[in-house]
């Protein structure tokens, strides 16, 4: 069976990063936290612990072809009947696992055998329903078409046919079992079934004359524990003596069909949950009218780096070992422009929608030579949210997922590095500046062509002069390395002319200089006007103070 997560893979229970093939790059936990995607992953995987989905969201794909492989499957699942069919299959297989677990917990052999038979029946029914769904769906993705063909072959195989026939025969035999129980407490007698008169009607007719209107219903459901008690087990033992052949075949079936779930089916079930869970998470965004799209991703081609078979990706071993002055390490024009239309943060958007508010979207267009983005503007103006949204685009695209926005095109960048400033931690015995420098050293060692670096409020614990000098050196090194860099900063001077630099500003309402629009656009940095607007809003400008003093 071919995987529906990994193009061309034959997982047999293994996926890249779990024993099959070379170890892929894993996105660090801190990066997911900085991008706020740890919250998205928690929501996506909530209630689905049995599938162990969390690791999949930290495993970027190897190349754009693998991204397209997953995107095609997501597109197929936009068909409601297919989505509903796979969801129904997941519920059925989950019920199968519960029945199998109940069999393992059963205290009495015959009880264990029956739970096991019900699990097998549910499994066969689930596969039949899945096959009908896939055969009826207008599939276009290579992944789902490949699995459909495998499932067709699997269901036609002799082992599965025998399993299906055996469980069906046993269910019919056990369904025909009839017996009577005579209660003469404290004695209980189990007898062969005999047709007897049904007494409900005559008893009801006898007491009907005492009926006075609608009486209260005192019946109450007492759901069973799911397990037999010792009395039920003894009754069943005596029933088995009356139907020895059926119960012998049931015991034999249990012994020969213990591991009845094919590994390929278990793998498909888990991998399908990746797609279904992501779509479930994104559904409220679509229902609110927010756009989602499948981005166009392409391999970045840097001057001085030889093209690979997939269109220009440098080998991992060569990417970071060039001399800093080597042309291959200098910022070079990309092969195409980058653009995002109606970009937004899905985590924040879901929160706002739940509160009845409307998220703000942003656009961004970068020319091939533009590499460094400096984002300035007022506090609480949406700068960090904008940077996060960009990082989310690159990471979600590297997983093959739909991304928030109307349209997007950018280089394939499975390695996203982040450093968001944080308060000093007395437990770590390291200052905020030391933490900044330590993390930046790690980033600079790994950042290069095909990587994205997001930096938020660096060096806020030091003086403005030192922060400016250190930030300029960091940007210069990142530019030489060829990484696409986004820096959110309070240092307006960083937005001065540098080759490949773009100044972005979080806007304020021109009618109310103290109100934020949360839109980020190209503009020269102008922190002075923001400070003046805030001071004016609170009556603290020089003129306002002088007027108040004089009055």
Protein backbone atom coordinates (compact mmCIF):
# COMPACT_ATOMS: atom_id res chain seq x y z
CA UNK A 1 0.00 0.00 0.00
CA UNK A 2 1.24 3.48 -0.89
CA UNK A 3 1.07 6.19 1.73
CA UNK A 4 -1.33 9.11 1.28
CA UNK A 5 1.02 11.37 3.25
CA UNK A 6 4.39 10.61 1.71
CA UNK A 7 4.59 10.50 -2.07
CA UNK A 8 6.06 7.24 -3.31
CA UNK A 9 6.46 5.81 0.20
CA UNK A 10 5.62 2.26 1.20
CA UNK A 11 5.22 2.90 4.93
CA UNK A 12 4.16 -0.49 6.37
CA UNK A 13 3.64 1.36 9.63
CA UNK A 14 6.73 3.53 9.18
CA UNK A 15 6.90 7.12 7.99
CA UNK A 16 9.86 9.42 7.42
CA UNK A 17 11.19 10.24 10.83
CA UNK A 18 9.94 6.96 12.26
CA UNK A 19 12.48 4.54 10.88
CA UNK A 20 11.94 4.80 7.12
CA UNK A 21 14.59 6.56 5.07
CA UNK A 22 16.72 9.55 6.09
CA UNK A 23 15.73 11.62 9.09
CA UNK A 24 13.89 14.74 7.86
CA UNK A 25 14.19 18.21 9.26
CA UNK A 26 11.91 18.63 12.25
CA UNK A 27 10.51 22.04 13.10
CA UNK A 28 11.58 22.95 16.66
CA UNK A 29 8.86 23.24 19.28
CA UNK A 30 9.89 26.83 20.00
CA UNK A 31 9.28 27.79 16.38
CA UNK A 32 5.74 26.43 16.55
CA UNK A 33 5.23 28.35 19.80
CA UNK A 34 6.57 31.59 18.32
CA UNK A 35 4.25 31.16 15.33
CA UNK A 36 1.34 30.37 17.66
CA UNK A 37 0.89 27.14 15.71
CA UNK A 38 1.20 25.04 18.86
CA UNK A 39 -2.31 26.23 19.71
CA UNK A 40 -3.56 25.29 16.26
CA UNK A 41 -2.00 21.82 16.55
CA UNK A 42 -3.57 21.36 19.99
CA UNK A 43 -7.01 22.24 18.60
CA UNK A 44 -6.55 20.11 15.47
CA UNK A 45 -5.55 17.02 17.43
CA UNK A 46 -7.96 17.48 20.36
CA UNK A 47 -9.80 14.23 21.08
CA UNK A 48 -7.68 12.29 18.57
CA UNK A 49 -4.88 10.97 20.74
CA UNK A 50 -5.29 7.46 19.30
CA UNK A 51 -3.92 8.71 15.95
CA UNK A 52 -0.73 10.34 17.30
CA UNK A 53 -1.00 13.23 14.85
CA UNK A 54 1.12 15.81 16.67
CA UNK A 55 4.50 14.73 15.22
CA UNK A 56 3.19 15.14 11.66
CA UNK A 57 2.86 18.90 12.14
CA UNK A 58 6.58 19.24 12.80
CA UNK A 59 7.70 17.29 9.70
CA UNK A 60 7.96 19.53 6.60
CA UNK A 61 7.92 17.76 3.26
CA UNK A 62 11.04 17.27 1.19
CA UNK A 63 10.14 19.25 -1.93
CA UNK A 64 7.33 21.07 -3.82
CA UNK A 65 6.33 17.85 -5.60
CA UNK A 66 5.45 16.30 -2.24
CA UNK A 67 3.50 19.46 -1.37
CA UNK A 68 1.47 19.08 -4.58
CA UNK A 69 0.85 15.42 -3.69
CA UNK A 70 -0.91 16.44 -0.46
CA UNK A 71 -2.64 19.46 -1.98
CA UNK A 72 -4.31 17.18 -4.54
CA UNK A 73 -5.71 15.03 -1.73
CA UNK A 74 -7.02 18.09 0.11
CA UNK A 75 -8.71 19.17 -3.13
CA UNK A 76 -10.34 15.74 -3.51
CA UNK A 77 -11.68 16.03 0.04
CA UNK A 78 -13.50 19.23 -0.87
CA UNK A 79 -16.10 16.85 -2.35
CA UNK A 80 -18.66 16.53 0.51
CA UNK A 81 -19.52 12.88 -0.20
CA UNK A 82 -15.86 11.84 -0.03
CA UNK A 83 -15.21 13.85 3.13
CA UNK A 84 -18.28 12.37 4.81
CA UNK A 85 -17.39 8.87 3.64
CA UNK A 86 -13.87 9.02 5.09
CA UNK A 87 -15.23 10.52 8.30
CA UNK A 88 -17.74 7.66 8.58
CA UNK A 89 -14.95 5.14 7.99
CA UNK A 90 -12.90 6.71 10.78
CA UNK A 91 -15.83 6.43 13.19
CA UNK A 92 -16.42 2.80 12.24
CA UNK A 93 -12.79 1.83 12.66
CA UNK A 94 -12.67 3.63 15.99
CA UNK A 95 -15.66 1.52 17.08
CA UNK A 96 -13.77 -1.58 15.90
CA UNK A 97 -10.84 -0.67 18.11
CA UNK A 98 -13.18 -0.17 21.07
CA UNK A 99 -14.73 -3.61 20.53
CA UNK A 100 -11.31 -5.18 20.26
CA UNK A 101 -10.23 -3.45 23.47
CA UNK A 102 -13.40 -4.69 25.17
CA UNK A 103 -12.52 -8.21 24.08
CA UNK A 104 -9.09 -7.90 25.64
CA UNK A 105 -10.62 -6.71 28.92
CA UNK A 106 -13.29 -9.41 29.04
CA UNK A 107 -13.12 -11.74 32.04
CA UNK A 108 -14.90 -14.70 30.45
CA UNK A 109 -13.72 -16.54 27.31
CA UNK A 110 -17.07 -16.64 25.50
CA UNK A 111 -17.61 -12.95 26.17
CA UNK A 112 -14.14 -12.26 24.75
CA UNK A 113 -14.88 -14.32 21.66
CA UNK A 114 -18.12 -12.47 20.94
CA UNK A 115 -16.58 -8.98 21.32
CA UNK A 116 -13.84 -10.09 18.96
CA UNK A 117 -16.38 -11.33 16.40
CA UNK A 118 -18.26 -8.02 16.57
CA UNK A 119 -14.96 -6.18 16.02
CA UNK A 120 -14.24 -8.25 12.89
CA UNK A 121 -17.77 -7.66 11.59
CA UNK A 122 -17.39 -3.93 12.13
CA UNK A 123 -14.04 -4.03 10.34
CA UNK A 124 -15.46 -5.78 7.28
CA UNK A 125 -18.40 -3.37 7.19
CA UNK A 126 -16.06 -0.39 7.49
CA UNK A 127 -13.95 -1.57 4.55
CA UNK A 128 -17.02 -2.19 2.44
CA UNK A 129 -18.29 1.33 3.13
CA UNK A 130 -14.86 2.83 2.44
CA UNK A 131 -14.59 0.98 -0.87
CA UNK A 132 -18.03 2.18 -1.93
CA UNK A 133 -17.07 5.76 -1.06
CA UNK A 134 -13.81 5.67 -3.01
CA UNK A 135 -15.32 3.92 -6.03
CA UNK A 136 -18.08 6.53 -6.27
CA UNK A 137 -15.81 9.57 -5.78
CA UNK A 138 -14.37 11.51 -8.75
CA UNK A 139 -10.79 11.15 -7.50
CA UNK A 140 -7.99 13.16 -9.11
CA UNK A 141 -5.18 12.76 -6.57
CA UNK A 142 -2.52 10.12 -7.12
CA UNK A 143 -2.55 9.32 -3.41
CA UNK A 144 -6.23 8.44 -3.07
CA UNK A 145 -6.40 6.72 -6.46
CA UNK A 146 -3.45 4.55 -5.47
CA UNK A 147 -5.08 3.62 -2.17
CA UNK A 148 -8.41 2.91 -3.89
CA UNK A 149 -6.68 0.44 -6.22
CA UNK A 150 -4.87 -1.19 -3.29
CA UNK A 151 -8.10 -1.50 -1.29
CA UNK A 152 -9.87 -3.09 -4.25
CA UNK A 153 -7.11 -5.69 -4.50
CA UNK A 154 -7.04 -6.22 -0.74
CA UNK A 155 -10.79 -6.89 -0.51
CA UNK A 156 -10.54 -9.37 -3.40
CA UNK A 157 -7.67 -11.27 -1.76
CA UNK A 158 -8.36 -14.77 -0.46
CA UNK A 159 -7.42 -14.00 3.19
CA UNK A 160 -9.89 -11.12 3.40
CA UNK A 161 -12.62 -13.08 1.60
CA UNK A 162 -12.20 -15.93 4.10
CA UNK A 163 -12.32 -13.49 7.02
CA UNK A 164 -15.47 -11.85 5.70
CA UNK A 165 -17.24 -15.15 4.97
CA UNK A 166 -16.33 -16.63 8.35
CA UNK A 167 -17.59 -13.69 10.38
CA UNK A 168 -20.79 -13.52 8.36
CA UNK A 169 -21.48 -17.24 8.89
CA UNK A 170 -20.83 -17.00 12.62
CA UNK A 171 -23.04 -13.95 13.01
CA UNK A 172 -25.90 -15.82 11.32
CA UNK A 173 -25.37 -18.89 13.50
CA UNK A 174 -25.25 -16.91 16.73
CA UNK A 175 -28.19 -14.81 15.61
CA UNK A 176 -30.22 -18.00 15.40
CA UNK A 177 -29.44 -19.05 18.98
CA UNK A 178 -32.64 -19.22 21.08
CA UNK A 179 -33.11 -20.29 24.67
CA UNK A 180 -35.40 -19.78 27.64
CA UNK A 181 -34.51 -18.80 31.18
CA UNK A 182 -36.80 -19.93 33.98
CA UNK A 183 -36.49 -17.88 37.16
CA UNK A 184 -37.54 -19.72 40.29
CA UNK A 185 -35.32 -17.85 42.69
CA UNK A 186 -32.91 -18.66 44.03
CA UNK A 187 -32.76 -21.20 41.19
CA UNK A 188 -32.24 -20.27 37.53
CA UNK A 189 -32.86 -22.86 34.85
CA UNK A 190 -31.69 -22.57 31.23
CA UNK A 191 -33.86 -24.48 28.78
CA UNK A 192 -34.09 -25.04 25.07
CA UNK A 193 -36.28 -22.50 23.34
CA UNK A 194 -39.96 -23.33 23.08
CA UNK A 195 -42.63 -21.25 21.44
CA UNK A 196 -44.77 -19.86 24.23
CA UNK A 197 -47.74 -17.56 24.38
CA UNK A 198 -46.88 -13.86 24.58
CA UNK A 199 -48.54 -12.57 27.75
CA UNK A 200 -48.05 -8.84 27.30
CA UNK A 201 -51.29 -8.34 25.37
CA UNK A 202 -53.59 -10.32 27.67
CA UNK A 203 -52.12 -8.72 30.81
CA UNK A 204 -52.54 -5.24 29.36
CA UNK A 205 -56.13 -6.00 28.38
CA UNK A 206 -56.90 -7.40 31.84
CA UNK A 207 -55.78 -4.26 33.66
CA UNK A 208 -56.95 -1.73 31.07
CA UNK A 209 -60.17 -1.00 32.99
CA UNK A 210 -58.10 0.38 35.88
CA UNK A 211 -56.34 2.92 33.68
CA UNK A 212 -56.99 6.56 34.69
CA UNK A 213 -55.67 8.93 32.02
CA UNK A 214 -51.99 9.16 31.20
CA UNK A 215 -49.92 7.61 33.92
CA UNK A 216 -46.36 8.46 34.79
CA UNK A 217 -43.72 6.31 33.14
CA UNK A 218 -41.50 4.79 35.80
CA UNK A 219 -39.29 2.90 33.37
CA UNK A 220 -35.64 3.88 33.47
CA UNK A 221 -32.74 2.78 31.32
CA UNK A 222 -29.86 1.16 33.13
CA UNK A 223 -27.01 0.89 30.62
CA UNK A 224 -24.89 -2.14 31.14
CA UNK A 225 -21.23 -1.96 32.00
CA UNK A 226 -20.30 -3.72 28.78
CA UNK A 227 -18.95 -6.65 30.77
CA UNK A 228 -20.67 -9.85 31.81
CA UNK A 229 -21.22 -10.72 35.43
CA UNK A 230 -20.72 -14.19 36.82
CA UNK A 231 -24.43 -15.07 36.56
CA UNK A 232 -24.60 -14.11 32.88
CA UNK A 233 -21.43 -16.11 32.25
CA UNK A 234 -22.96 -19.23 33.81
CA UNK A 235 -26.11 -18.83 31.72
CA UNK A 236 -23.99 -18.49 28.58
CA UNK A 237 -22.00 -21.62 29.49
CA UNK A 238 -25.23 -23.60 29.56
CA UNK A 239 -26.41 -22.07 26.29
CA UNK A 240 -23.11 -23.17 24.72
CA UNK A 241 -23.87 -26.75 25.76
CA UNK A 242 -27.04 -26.54 23.67
CA UNK A 243 -25.18 -25.15 20.61
CA UNK A 244 -21.73 -26.80 20.86
CA UNK A 245 -20.83 -26.55 17.16
CA UNK A 246 -21.49 -22.80 16.90
CA UNK A 247 -19.54 -21.94 20.04
CA UNK A 248 -16.66 -24.23 19.03
CA UNK A 249 -16.42 -22.43 15.69
CA UNK A 250 -16.54 -19.08 17.52
CA UNK A 251 -13.62 -20.13 19.73
CA UNK A 252 -11.64 -21.36 16.72
CA UNK A 253 -12.33 -18.11 14.86
CA UNK A 254 -10.94 -16.14 17.79
CA UNK A 255 -7.78 -18.22 17.79
CA UNK A 256 -7.08 -17.96 14.06
CA UNK A 257 -8.09 -14.32 13.39
CA UNK A 258 -6.57 -12.42 16.29
CA UNK A 259 -4.73 -9.80 14.20
CA UNK A 260 -7.37 -9.08 11.60
CA UNK A 261 -6.72 -5.36 10.91
CA UNK A 262 -4.32 -5.02 8.00
CA UNK A 263 -1.36 -2.66 8.72
CA UNK A 264 -2.16 -0.80 5.50
CA UNK A 265 -5.66 -0.02 6.76
CA UNK A 266 -4.33 1.22 10.09
CA UNK A 267 -1.83 3.45 8.28
CA UNK A 268 -4.50 4.85 5.98
CA UNK A 269 -6.81 5.53 8.91
CA UNK A 270 -4.14 7.55 10.70
CA UNK A 271 -3.00 9.41 7.61
CA UNK A 272 -6.56 10.25 6.56
CA UNK A 273 -7.08 11.81 9.97
CA UNK A 274 -4.34 14.32 9.17
CA UNK A 275 -6.42 15.65 6.28
CA UNK A 276 -9.80 15.41 8.00
CA UNK A 277 -8.56 17.11 11.18
CA UNK A 278 -7.01 20.02 9.29
CA UNK A 279 -10.21 20.52 7.28
CA UNK A 280 -12.30 20.41 10.46
CA UNK A 281 -10.07 23.10 11.98
CA UNK A 282 -10.33 25.34 8.91
CA UNK A 283 -14.09 24.90 8.45
CA UNK A 284 -15.12 27.81 10.76
CA UNK A 285 -12.90 30.15 8.73
CA UNK A 286 -14.61 29.18 5.49
CA UNK A 287 -18.04 29.43 7.08
CA UNK A 288 -17.17 32.99 8.15
CA UNK A 289 -16.29 33.88 4.56
CA UNK A 290 -12.52 33.98 5.02
CA UNK A 291 -10.50 32.72 2.05
CA UNK A 292 -8.26 29.66 1.95
CA UNK A 293 -5.98 28.70 -0.90
CA UNK A 294 -3.39 26.23 -2.11
CA UNK A 295 -0.19 28.24 -2.51
CA UNK A 296 2.10 27.93 -5.48
CA UNK A 297 5.50 26.97 -4.10
CA UNK A 298 8.71 26.76 -6.07
CA UNK A 299 12.33 25.97 -5.37
CA UNK A 300 14.50 29.04 -4.90
CA UNK A 301 17.43 29.27 -7.32
CA UNK A 302 20.42 31.16 -5.96
CA UNK A 303 23.26 32.47 -8.10
CA UNK A 304 26.28 30.23 -7.76
CA UNK A 305 24.30 27.22 -6.54
CA UNK A 306 23.93 24.35 -8.99
CA UNK A 307 20.42 23.24 -9.79
CA UNK A 308 19.20 19.92 -8.51
CA UNK A 309 16.94 17.44 -10.23
CA UNK A 310 13.86 19.04 -8.71
CA UNK A 311 14.55 22.51 -10.04
CA UNK A 312 17.28 24.22 -8.14
CA UNK A 313 17.39 23.05 -4.54
CA UNK A 314 20.95 22.89 -3.19
CA UNK A 315 21.98 19.76 -1.42
CA UNK A 316 21.50 19.99 2.36
CA UNK A 317 25.19 19.30 3.00
CA UNK A 318 26.24 22.13 0.68
CA UNK A 319 23.74 24.71 1.79
CA UNK A 320 25.44 25.99 4.92
CA UNK A 321 29.12 25.23 4.46
CA UNK A 322 30.13 27.96 1.99
CA UNK A 323 32.47 30.74 2.98
CA UNK A 324 30.43 33.86 3.95
CA UNK A 325 32.00 35.77 1.07
CA UNK A 326 31.26 33.06 -1.50
CA UNK A 327 28.76 34.32 -4.11
CA UNK A 328 26.53 31.37 -3.32
CA UNK A 329 26.11 32.76 0.20
CA UNK A 330 25.34 36.32 -0.85
CA UNK A 331 21.80 37.58 -1.21
CA UNK A 332 20.86 36.83 -4.81
CA UNK A 333 17.66 37.58 -6.72
CA UNK A 334 15.02 34.89 -6.57
CA UNK A 335 13.64 33.28 -9.68
CA UNK A 336 10.17 34.79 -9.19
CA UNK A 337 8.16 37.30 -7.22
CA UNK A 338 6.54 36.58 -3.86
CA UNK A 339 2.99 37.61 -3.18
CA UNK A 340 0.22 37.04 -0.66
CA UNK A 341 -3.36 38.24 -1.01
CA UNK A 342 -5.62 38.54 2.04
CA UNK A 343 -3.07 37.04 4.41
CA UNK A 344 -4.24 36.41 8.00
CA UNK A 345 -3.46 34.44 11.16
CA UNK A 346 -5.89 31.46 11.41
CA UNK A 347 -5.47 31.09 15.18
CA UNK A 348 -6.34 34.74 15.82
CA UNK A 349 -9.08 34.63 13.18
CA UNK A 350 -10.85 31.74 14.91
CA UNK A 351 -10.77 33.66 18.20
CA UNK A 352 -12.17 36.82 16.61
CA UNK A 353 -14.90 34.90 14.79
CA UNK A 354 -15.98 33.25 18.04
CA UNK A 355 -16.29 36.76 19.54
CA UNK A 356 -18.31 38.06 16.60
CA UNK A 357 -15.45 40.17 15.24
CA UNK A 358 -14.02 40.28 11.73
CA UNK A 359 -10.31 39.59 11.14
CA UNK A 360 -8.20 42.05 9.14
CA UNK A 361 -6.30 40.65 6.14
CA UNK A 362 -3.13 41.96 4.52
CA UNK A 363 -1.41 41.83 1.15
CA UNK A 364 2.30 41.59 0.39
CA UNK A 365 4.19 41.71 -2.90
CA UNK A 366 7.96 41.29 -3.10
CA UNK A 367 10.12 41.65 -6.19
CA UNK A 368 12.80 39.02 -6.85
CA UNK A 369 15.60 41.13 -5.34
CA UNK A 370 13.70 42.04 -2.14
CA UNK A 371 14.85 39.93 0.78
CA UNK A 372 14.78 41.90 4.05
CA UNK A 373 11.46 43.11 5.51
CA UNK A 374 11.54 45.66 8.34
CA UNK A 375 8.17 46.02 10.07
CA UNK A 376 7.64 49.09 12.26
CA UNK A 377 4.64 50.91 13.64
CA UNK A 378 2.73 51.61 16.83
CA UNK A 379 2.47 49.16 19.69
CA UNK A 380 -0.50 46.79 19.41
CA UNK A 381 -0.72 47.68 15.72
CA UNK A 382 -0.54 44.15 14.32
CA UNK A 383 3.19 43.96 13.53
CA UNK A 384 3.84 40.69 15.34
CA UNK A 385 0.59 39.18 14.05
CA UNK A 386 1.65 40.04 10.50
CA UNK A 387 5.06 38.41 10.96
CA UNK A 388 3.47 35.33 12.52
CA UNK A 389 1.01 35.06 9.65
CA UNK A 390 3.89 35.06 7.16
CA UNK A 391 5.70 32.35 9.08
CA UNK A 392 2.52 30.30 9.32
CA UNK A 393 2.15 30.45 5.53
CA UNK A 394 5.59 28.96 4.94
CA UNK A 395 5.19 26.25 7.58
CA UNK A 396 1.66 25.21 6.62
CA UNK A 397 2.65 25.15 2.95
CA UNK A 398 5.60 22.88 3.79
CA UNK A 399 3.07 20.42 5.26
CA UNK A 400 0.99 20.49 2.08
CA UNK A 401 -1.94 22.16 3.85
CA UNK A 402 -4.27 24.89 2.58
CA UNK A 403 -3.11 28.28 3.82
CA UNK A 404 -5.14 31.27 5.04
CA UNK A 405 -5.49 33.76 2.18
CA UNK A 406 -6.97 34.26 -1.26
CA UNK A 407 -3.79 33.62 -3.24
CA UNK A 408 -0.12 33.03 -2.50
CA UNK A 409 3.11 32.27 -4.33
CA UNK A 410 6.47 31.92 -2.62
CA UNK A 411 9.66 29.83 -2.60
CA UNK A 412 9.49 26.48 -0.90
CA UNK A 413 11.03 27.07 2.53
CA UNK A 414 10.62 24.10 4.88
CA UNK A 415 13.02 25.62 7.40
CA UNK A 416 11.51 28.55 9.29
CA UNK A 417 13.63 30.04 12.07
CA UNK A 418 12.14 32.33 14.69
CA UNK A 419 13.32 34.37 17.62
CA UNK A 420 10.74 36.34 19.53
CA UNK A 421 12.16 38.31 22.43
CA UNK A 422 11.16 37.20 25.91
CA UNK A 423 11.56 38.34 29.48
CA UNK A 424 14.61 37.32 31.47
CA UNK A 425 14.23 34.00 33.26
CA UNK A 426 15.94 34.02 36.64
CA UNK A 427 15.93 30.21 36.65
CA UNK A 428 18.15 30.13 33.55
CA UNK A 429 20.71 32.52 35.05
CA UNK A 430 21.06 34.15 31.65
CA UNK A 431 20.16 37.71 30.65
CA UNK A 432 17.75 38.55 27.85
CA UNK A 433 20.67 39.86 25.78
CA UNK A 434 22.60 36.63 26.26
CA UNK A 435 19.53 34.68 25.22
CA UNK A 436 19.15 36.83 22.09
CA UNK A 437 22.77 36.32 21.10
CA UNK A 438 22.75 32.58 21.82
CA UNK A 439 19.63 31.96 19.75
CA UNK A 440 20.82 34.21 16.91
CA UNK A 441 24.09 32.32 16.72
CA UNK A 442 22.14 29.09 16.16
CA UNK A 443 19.98 30.74 13.49
CA UNK A 444 22.88 32.31 11.61
CA UNK A 445 24.68 28.97 11.47
CA UNK A 446 21.70 27.34 9.73
CA UNK A 447 19.99 30.12 7.77
CA UNK A 448 20.68 30.27 4.05
CA UNK A 449 18.97 30.14 0.66
CA UNK A 450 15.54 28.56 0.96
CA UNK A 451 15.09 29.48 4.63
CA UNK A 452 12.88 32.04 6.34
CA UNK A 453 13.90 33.96 9.46
CA UNK A 454 11.41 35.84 11.67
CA UNK A 455 12.82 38.16 14.33
CA UNK A 456 10.62 40.03 16.78
CA UNK A 457 11.77 42.95 18.94
CA UNK A 458 15.41 41.93 19.22
CA UNK A 459 17.76 43.47 21.77
CA UNK A 460 15.00 45.30 23.64
CA UNK A 461 16.96 44.82 26.86
CA UNK A 462 19.95 46.91 25.75
CA UNK A 463 20.48 50.55 24.74
CA UNK A 464 19.07 51.91 21.49
CA UNK A 465 22.56 52.45 20.10
CA UNK A 466 23.69 48.92 20.88
CA UNK A 467 20.42 47.45 19.64
CA UNK A 468 20.79 49.30 16.34
CA UNK A 469 24.39 48.19 15.77
CA UNK A 470 23.68 44.56 16.69
CA UNK A 471 20.53 44.43 14.55
CA UNK A 472 22.36 45.86 11.53
CA UNK A 473 25.05 43.22 11.84
CA UNK A 474 22.47 40.44 12.10
CA UNK A 475 20.61 41.71 9.02
CA UNK A 476 23.82 42.02 7.02
CA UNK A 477 24.75 38.42 7.81
CA UNK A 478 21.28 37.12 6.97
CA UNK A 479 21.33 39.04 3.70
CA UNK A 480 24.69 37.52 2.77
CA UNK A 481 23.31 34.08 3.58
CA UNK A 482 20.31 34.54 1.30
CA UNK A 483 17.57 33.96 3.90
CA UNK A 484 14.24 35.71 3.50
CA UNK A 485 14.10 37.78 6.69
CA UNK A 486 11.26 39.55 8.50
CA UNK A 487 12.22 41.76 11.45
CA UNK A 488 9.64 43.42 13.68
CA UNK A 489 11.36 46.27 15.47
CA UNK A 490 11.02 49.55 17.31
CA UNK A 491 14.19 50.82 15.58
CA UNK A 492 13.10 53.03 12.69
CA UNK A 493 16.70 53.51 11.56
CA UNK A 494 16.85 49.85 10.50
CA UNK A 495 14.43 50.67 7.68
CA UNK A 496 16.99 52.89 5.95
CA UNK A 497 18.27 51.99 2.50
CA UNK A 498 19.92 48.59 2.20
CA UNK A 499 19.94 46.52 -0.98
CA UNK A 500 16.89 44.26 -0.99
CA UNK A 501 15.28 45.95 2.03
CA UNK A 502 11.54 46.70 2.23
CA UNK A 503 10.03 49.00 4.88
CA UNK A 504 6.58 47.92 6.07
CA UNK A 505 4.49 49.94 8.51
CA UNK A 506 1.50 48.96 10.64
CA UNK A 507 -1.03 51.68 9.91
CA UNK A 508 -3.13 54.05 11.99
CA UNK A 509 -6.47 55.61 11.10
CA UNK A 510 -5.87 59.03 9.47
CA UNK A 511 -9.11 60.27 11.04
CA UNK A 512 -8.01 59.15 14.50
CA UNK A 513 -4.25 59.01 14.81
CA UNK A 514 -4.52 56.92 17.95
CA UNK A 515 -6.58 54.14 16.33
CA UNK A 516 -4.93 51.12 14.67
CA UNK A 517 -6.05 49.74 11.32
CA UNK A 518 -4.00 46.51 11.70
CA UNK A 519 -3.08 46.81 8.02
CA UNK A 520 0.59 46.53 7.14
CA UNK A 521 1.69 48.36 4.00
CA UNK A 522 4.85 49.63 2.32
CA UNK A 523 5.80 52.99 3.78
CA UNK A 524 8.83 54.73 5.27
CA UNK A 525 9.24 54.14 8.99
CA UNK A 526 7.79 57.06 10.97
CA UNK A 527 7.87 56.27 14.65
CA UNK A 528 7.87 59.95 15.55
CA UNK A 529 4.37 60.48 14.18
CA UNK A 530 3.09 57.45 16.11
CA UNK A 531 4.54 58.79 19.34
CA UNK A 532 3.06 62.21 18.66
CA UNK A 533 -0.34 60.68 17.93
CA UNK A 534 -0.32 58.74 21.20
CA UNK A 535 0.75 61.81 23.15
CA UNK A 536 -1.99 63.89 21.49
CA UNK A 537 -4.59 61.26 22.32
CA UNK A 538 -3.79 61.61 26.01
CA UNK A 539 -3.27 65.40 25.93
CA UNK A 540 0.48 65.16 26.47
CA UNK A 541 1.97 67.04 23.51
CA UNK A 542 4.10 70.09 24.21
CA UNK A 543 1.36 72.43 23.02
CA UNK A 544 -1.36 70.66 25.01
CA UNK A 545 0.72 70.65 28.17
CA UNK A 546 1.64 74.31 27.78
CA UNK A 547 -1.99 75.27 27.19
CA UNK A 548 -3.09 73.40 30.30
CA UNK A 549 -0.35 74.96 32.41
CA UNK A 550 -1.15 78.47 31.22
CA UNK A 551 -4.85 78.00 31.85
